[in-house]
C-alpha atoms as a PDB file:
ATOM      1  CA  MET A   1       0.012   0.056   0.231  1.00  0.00           C
ATOM      2  CA  ASN A   2       1.253   3.444  -0.917  1.00  0.00           C
ATOM      3  CA  ALA A   3      -1.641   5.429  -1.504  1.00  0.00           C
ATOM      4  CA  PRO A   4      -1.929   8.445   0.780  1.00  0.00           C
ATOM      5  CA  VAL A   5      -4.209   7.642   3.933  1.00  0.00           C
ATOM      6  CA  VAL A   6      -5.860  10.373   5.960  1.00  0.00           C
ATOM      7  CA  LEU A   7      -7.699   9.405   9.407  1.00  0.00           C
ATOM      8  CA  GLN A   8      -9.837  12.017  10.886  1.00  0.00           C
ATOM      9  CA  VAL A   9     -10.602  11.776  15.118  1.00  0.00           C
ATOM     10  CA  ALA A  10     -14.068  13.527  15.695  1.00  0.00           C
ATOM     11  CA  ALA A  11     -13.784  16.359  18.549  1.00  0.00           C
ATOM     12  CA  SER A  12     -14.689  15.530  21.968  1.00  0.00           C
ATOM     13  CA  PRO A  13     -16.207  17.827  24.456  1.00  0.00           C
ATOM     14  CA  VAL A  14     -12.833  18.520  25.922  1.00  0.00           C
ATOM     15  CA  SER A  15     -10.695  17.505  22.833  1.00  0.00           C
ATOM     16  CA  PRO A  16     -10.157  19.378  19.449  1.00  0.00           C
ATOM     17  CA  ALA A  17     -10.416  16.892  16.070  1.00  0.00           C
ATOM     18  CA  LEU A  18      -7.567  15.157  14.873  1.00  0.00           C
ATOM     19  CA  VAL A  19      -6.010  14.602  11.617  1.00  0.00           C
ATOM     20  CA  LEU A  20      -3.687  11.911  11.142  1.00  0.00           C
ATOM     21  CA  ARG A  21      -1.837  11.883   7.516  1.00  0.00           C
ATOM     22  CA  PRO A  22       1.283  10.832   5.943  1.00  0.00           C
ATOM     23  CA  TRP A  23       4.607  13.204   6.716  1.00  0.00           C
ATOM     24  CA  LEU A  24       5.284  15.960   4.400  1.00  0.00           C
ATOM     25  CA  MET A  25       8.394  17.937   3.731  1.00  0.00           C
ATOM     26  CA  GLU A  26       6.465  20.829   4.694  1.00  0.00           C
ATOM     27  CA  ASP A  27       6.353  19.008   8.422  1.00  0.00           C
ATOM     28  CA  VAL A  28      10.261  19.696   9.314  1.00  0.00           C
ATOM     29  CA  ALA A  29      10.307  22.712  10.487  1.00  0.00           C
ATOM     30  CA  ALA A  30       7.672  21.869  13.459  1.00  0.00           C
ATOM     31  CA  LEU A  31       9.042  18.346  13.681  1.00  0.00           C
ATOM     32  CA  VAL A  32      12.668  20.110  14.384  1.00  0.00           C
ATOM     33  CA  GLU A  33      11.133  22.180  16.918  1.00  0.00           C
ATOM     34  CA  LEU A  34       9.118  19.825  18.781  1.00  0.00           C
ATOM     35  CA  SER A  35      12.087  17.369  19.152  1.00  0.00           C
ATOM     36  CA  ARG A  36      13.975  19.610  21.552  1.00  0.00           C
ATOM     37  CA  ASP A  37      11.773  18.223  24.069  1.00  0.00           C
ATOM     38  CA  PRO A  38      14.112  16.781  26.522  1.00  0.00           C
ATOM     39  CA  ALA A  39      11.510  13.920  27.416  1.00  0.00           C
ATOM     40  CA  LEU A  40      10.645  13.171  24.061  1.00  0.00           C
ATOM     41  CA  ARG A  41      14.507  12.788  23.337  1.00  0.00           C
ATOM     42  CA  GLN A  42      14.502  10.573  26.565  1.00  0.00           C
ATOM     43  CA  TRP A  43      12.367   8.279  24.725  1.00  0.00           C
ATOM     44  CA  ALA A  44      13.063   8.547  21.010  1.00  0.00           C
ATOM     45  CA  SER A  45      14.894   5.995  19.105  1.00  0.00           C
ATOM     46  CA  SER A  46      16.365   8.544  16.549  1.00  0.00           C
ATOM     47  CA  VAL A  47      16.948  12.224  17.065  1.00  0.00           C
ATOM     48  CA  VAL A  48      16.141  15.315  15.285  1.00  0.00           C
ATOM     49  CA  ASP A  49      18.348  18.275  15.646  1.00  0.00           C
ATOM     50  CA  ASN A  50      18.201  20.112  12.597  1.00  0.00           C
ATOM     51  CA  ASP A  51      16.699  20.407   9.400  1.00  0.00           C
ATOM     52  CA  ALA A  52      18.889  17.974   7.800  1.00  0.00           C
ATOM     53  CA  ASP A  53      17.902  15.407  10.468  1.00  0.00           C
ATOM     54  CA  GLY A  54      14.140  16.259  10.079  1.00  0.00           C
ATOM     55  CA  THR A  55      14.493  15.730   6.302  1.00  0.00           C
ATOM     56  CA  ARG A  56      15.733  12.355   6.420  1.00  0.00           C
ATOM     57  CA  TRP A  57      13.399  11.328   9.163  1.00  0.00           C
ATOM     58  CA  VAL A  58      10.487  12.557   6.962  1.00  0.00           C
ATOM     59  CA  GLN A  59      11.989  10.522   4.029  1.00  0.00           C
ATOM     60  CA  ALA A  60      12.261   7.731   5.929  1.00  0.00           C
ATOM     61  CA  GLN A  61       8.670   7.740   6.939  1.00  0.00           C
ATOM     62  CA  GLN A  62       7.720   8.598   3.096  1.00  0.00           C
ATOM     63  CA  GLN A  63       9.775   5.811   1.906  1.00  0.00           C
ATOM     64  CA  GLY A  64       7.846   3.322   4.571  1.00  0.00           C
ATOM     65  CA  TRP A  65       4.714   3.814   2.714  1.00  0.00           C
ATOM     66  CA  VAL A  66       6.522   3.213  -0.715  1.00  0.00           C
ATOM     67  CA  SER A  67       8.014  -0.020   0.499  1.00  0.00           C
ATOM     68  CA  GLY A  68       4.256  -0.762   2.450  1.00  0.00           C
ATOM     69  CA  GLY A  69       6.014  -2.111   5.465  1.00  0.00           C
ATOM     70  CA  ARG A  70       5.664   1.022   7.534  1.00  0.00           C
ATOM     71  CA  PHE A  71       3.025   3.491   8.086  1.00  0.00           C
ATOM     72  CA  GLY A  72       3.802   6.729   9.597  1.00  0.00           C
ATOM     73  CA  PHE A  73       1.310   9.426  10.508  1.00  0.00           C
ATOM     74  CA  ALA A  74       1.758  13.017  11.524  1.00  0.00           C
ATOM     75  CA  VAL A  75      -0.778  13.647  14.067  1.00  0.00           C
ATOM     76  CA  LEU A  76      -2.492  17.047  13.828  1.00  0.00           C
ATOM     77  CA  GLU A  77      -4.940  18.894  16.025  1.00  0.00           C
ATOM     78  CA  ALA A  78      -7.418  21.173  14.398  1.00  0.00           C
ATOM     79  CA  GLN A  79      -7.198  24.745  16.006  1.00  0.00           C
ATOM     80  CA  PRO A  80     -10.591  26.031  16.995  1.00  0.00           C
ATOM     81  CA  GLY A  81     -11.871  29.001  14.964  1.00  0.00           C
ATOM     82  CA  SER A  82      -8.769  28.148  12.267  1.00  0.00           C
ATOM     83  CA  VAL A  83      -8.308  26.570   9.348  1.00  0.00           C
ATOM     84  CA  CYS A  84      -4.552  25.734  10.124  1.00  0.00           C
ATOM     85  CA  GLU A  85      -3.769  22.331  11.819  1.00  0.00           C
ATOM     86  CA  GLN A  86      -0.959  21.990  14.711  1.00  0.00           C
ATOM     87  CA  LEU A  87       1.502  19.355  14.908  1.00  0.00           C
ATOM     88  CA  VAL A  88       1.039  17.544  17.882  1.00  0.00           C
ATOM     89  CA  GLY A  89       2.641  13.977  17.565  1.00  0.00           C
ATOM     90  CA  ASN A  90       3.311  10.830  15.515  1.00  0.00           C
ATOM     91  CA  VAL A  91       1.758   7.390  15.509  1.00  0.00           C
ATOM     92  CA  VAL A  92       3.225   4.192  13.242  1.00  0.00           C
ATOM     93  CA  LEU A  93       2.373   1.160  12.436  1.00  0.00           C
ATOM     94  CA  LYS A  94       5.670  -1.020  11.485  1.00  0.00           C
ATOM     95  CA  GLU A  95       6.887  -4.448  10.562  1.00  0.00           C
ATOM     96  CA  VAL A  96       4.101  -5.077   8.520  1.00  0.00           C
ATOM     97  CA  ILE A  97       4.417  -8.183   6.729  1.00  0.00           C
ATOM     98  CA  SER A  98       1.747 -10.388   4.411  1.00  0.00           C
ATOM     99  CA  GLY A  99       1.194 -13.548   6.469  1.00  0.00           C
ATOM    100  CA  LYS A 100       2.649 -12.508   9.548  1.00  0.00           C
ATOM    101  CA  PRO A 101       0.181 -12.196  12.267  1.00  0.00           C
ATOM    102  CA  ALA A 102       1.823  -9.271  14.447  1.00  0.00           C
ATOM    103  CA  ALA A 103       3.018  -5.761  13.481  1.00  0.00           C
ATOM    104  CA  GLU A 104       3.987  -3.041  15.675  1.00  0.00           C
ATOM    105  CA  VAL A 105       2.461   0.247  16.952  1.00  0.00           C
ATOM    106  CA  GLY A 106       4.547   3.148  18.508  1.00  0.00           C
ATOM    107  CA  TYR A 107       3.931   6.897  19.120  1.00  0.00           C
ATOM    108  CA  TRP A 108       4.934  10.277  20.829  1.00  0.00           C
ATOM    109  CA  THR A 109       3.374  13.285  21.680  1.00  0.00           C
ATOM    110  CA  ALA A 110       4.291  17.057  21.254  1.00  0.00           C
ATOM    111  CA  ALA A 111       4.981  18.531  24.867  1.00  0.00           C
ATOM    112  CA  HIS A 112       2.250  21.056  24.853  1.00  0.00           C
ATOM    113  CA  ALA A 113      -0.231  18.315  23.862  1.00  0.00           C
ATOM    114  CA  ARG A 114       0.629  16.119  26.612  1.00  0.00           C
ATOM    115  CA  GLY A 115      -2.132  14.853  29.260  1.00  0.00           C
ATOM    116  CA  ARG A 116      -4.958  15.671  26.501  1.00  0.00           C
ATOM    117  CA  GLY A 117      -5.551  12.041  25.205  1.00  0.00           C
ATOM    118  CA  VAL A 118      -3.926  13.072  21.853  1.00  0.00           C
ATOM    119  CA  ALA A 119      -1.658   9.700  21.928  1.00  0.00           C
ATOM    120  CA  SER A 120      -4.566   7.334  22.795  1.00  0.00           C
ATOM    121  CA  ARG A 121      -7.125   8.834  20.447  1.00  0.00           C
ATOM    122  CA  ALA A 122      -4.409   8.652  17.361  1.00  0.00           C
ATOM    123  CA  LEU A 123      -3.392   5.299  18.861  1.00  0.00           C
ATOM    124  CA  GLU A 124      -7.149   3.924  18.452  1.00  0.00           C
ATOM    125  CA  ALA A 125      -7.702   5.278  14.997  1.00  0.00           C
ATOM    126  CA  LEU A 126      -4.354   3.757  13.775  1.00  0.00           C
ATOM    127  CA  THR A 127      -5.237   0.496  15.343  1.00  0.00           C
ATOM    128  CA  SER A 128      -8.869   0.219  13.354  1.00  0.00           C
ATOM    129  CA  TRP A 129      -7.387   1.283  10.565  1.00  0.00           C
ATOM    130  CA  ALA A 130      -4.832  -1.286  10.857  1.00  0.00           C
ATOM    131  CA  PHE A 131      -7.068  -4.107  11.577  1.00  0.00           C
ATOM    132  CA  ASP A 132      -9.614  -2.898   8.947  1.00  0.00           C
ATOM    133  CA  THR A 133      -6.772  -2.655   6.386  1.00  0.00           C
ATOM    134  CA  PHE A 134      -4.212  -5.705   7.313  1.00  0.00           C
ATOM    135  CA  LYS A 135      -6.746  -8.343   8.603  1.00  0.00           C
ATOM    136  CA  GLY A 136      -7.151 -10.240   4.953  1.00  0.00           C
ATOM    137  CA  ASP A 137      -3.041 -10.140   4.934  1.00  0.00           C
ATOM    138  CA  GLY A 138      -3.106 -12.361   7.981  1.00  0.00           C
ATOM    139  CA  LEU A 139      -2.716  -9.643  10.679  1.00  0.00           C
ATOM    140  CA  GLU A 140      -4.018 -11.187  14.217  1.00  0.00           C
ATOM    141  CA  ARG A 141      -2.535  -8.767  16.793  1.00  0.00           C
ATOM    142  CA  LEU A 142      -0.897  -5.443  17.478  1.00  0.00           C
ATOM    143  CA  GLU A 143       2.112  -5.070  20.008  1.00  0.00           C
ATOM    144  CA  LEU A 144       3.232  -1.920  21.927  1.00  0.00           C
ATOM    145  CA  LEU A 145       6.582  -1.997  23.378  1.00  0.00           C
ATOM    146  CA  HIS A 146       7.930   0.958  25.723  1.00  0.00           C
ATOM    147  CA  GLN A 147      10.578   1.180  28.343  1.00  0.00           C
ATOM    148  CA  VAL A 148       9.765   0.100  31.726  1.00  0.00           C
ATOM    149  CA  ASP A 149       9.875   3.569  33.293  1.00  0.00           C
ATOM    150  CA  ASN A 150       7.877   5.303  30.438  1.00  0.00           C
ATOM    151  CA  LEU A 151       4.498   5.504  32.723  1.00  0.00           C
ATOM    152  CA  ALA A 152       2.818   7.737  30.554  1.00  0.00           C
ATOM    153  CA  SER A 153       2.997   4.675  27.654  1.00  0.00           C
ATOM    154  CA  CYS A 154       1.976   2.347  29.529  1.00  0.00           C
ATOM    155  CA  ARG A 155      -1.172   4.602  30.324  1.00  0.00           C
ATOM    156  CA  VAL A 156      -1.801   5.222  26.634  1.00  0.00           C
ATOM    157  CA  ALA A 157      -1.250   1.288  26.205  1.00  0.00           C
ATOM    158  CA  GLN A 158      -4.189   0.618  29.181  1.00  0.00           C
ATOM    159  CA  LYS A 159      -6.280   3.439  27.767  1.00  0.00           C
ATOM    160  CA  SER A 160      -6.295   1.919  24.392  1.00  0.00           C
ATOM    161  CA  ARG A 161      -6.809  -1.373  25.541  1.00  0.00           C
ATOM    162  CA  TYR A 162      -3.612  -3.228  24.785  1.00  0.00           C
ATOM    163  CA  ASP A 163      -3.331  -5.614  27.404  1.00  0.00           C
ATOM    164  CA  PHE A 164       0.114  -6.042  29.372  1.00  0.00           C
ATOM    165  CA  ASP A 165       1.733  -9.094  28.247  1.00  0.00           C
ATOM    166  CA  SER A 166       5.248  -9.241  29.573  1.00  0.00           C
ATOM    167  CA  VAL A 167       8.504  -7.488  30.163  1.00  0.00           C
ATOM    168  CA  LEU A 168      11.236  -8.057  27.566  1.00  0.00           C
ATOM    169  CA  PRO A 169      14.667  -7.520  28.619  1.00  0.00           C
ATOM    170  CA  ALA A 170      16.745  -4.302  27.604  1.00  0.00           C
ATOM    171  CA  ALA A 171      18.541  -4.579  24.236  1.00  0.00           C
ATOM    172  CA  PRO A 172      20.862  -1.891  23.773  1.00  0.00           C
ATOM    173  CA  PRO A 173      21.437   0.039  22.123  1.00  0.00           C
ATOM    174  CA  SER A 174      18.287   1.218  20.859  1.00  0.00           C
ATOM    175  CA  PHE A 175      16.248  -0.323  23.689  1.00  0.00           C
ATOM    176  CA  PRO A 176      18.406   0.350  26.742  1.00  0.00           C
ATOM    177  CA  ARG A 177      16.034  -0.399  29.664  1.00  0.00           C
ATOM    178  CA  ASP A 178      13.589  -3.392  30.049  1.00  0.00           C
ATOM    179  CA  GLY A 179      10.540  -2.965  28.649  1.00  0.00           C
ATOM    180  CA  HIS A 180       6.988  -3.633  28.714  1.00  0.00           C
ATOM    181  CA  LEU A 181       5.493  -5.645  25.697  1.00  0.00           C
ATOM    182  CA  HIS A 182       1.294  -4.794  25.380  1.00  0.00           C
ATOM    183  CA  ILE A 183      -0.662  -6.520  22.733  1.00  0.00           C
ATOM    184  CA  ARG A 184      -4.005  -5.959  21.136  1.00  0.00           C
ATOM    185  CA  ARG A 185      -6.066  -8.605  19.445  1.00  0.00           C
ATOM    186  CA  THR A 186      -8.079  -8.458  16.554  1.00  0.00           C
ATOM    187  CA  SER A 187     -11.004  -9.358  18.714  1.00  0.00           C
ATOM    188  CA  ALA A 188     -10.378  -6.795  21.344  1.00  0.00           C
END
């Protein structure tokens, strides 16, 4: 699959609508700005320090769509009273292989958007899309991994009905600490 996909998450009484769409080169400046957040850098597997890093990162996201194995979505929040949308995060479906029963999901949220349900709402939209789109290819479960001390990610997993499965041993350098594995099945 390499056709652009745009997912919509309706506004709630306390949260603006979200738009999930593939990353664009126009997102680089906002990505670099958000990537300066120390909390995001603590958990991120790749560092974006400047426009060149941001360009490479966005190009990698775009290549994932072309190859059909990784689907990264910029998460944008509709601004009340404006036609503009503000970048508030990222969700990704990765390791999608036809016939393989599992794929992995990931996410991050911008500092200014944390604590408002952005990650869980975006993850729910991604989860529904993934099961709808890839169930015919054998997708039965989605796996969510986070480091054991990332309590916010654990809360997002729980809110999004990803059940705790096991503790995974550290795998440096990309996963320097033990991690939690959460799983959501098509039947959940």
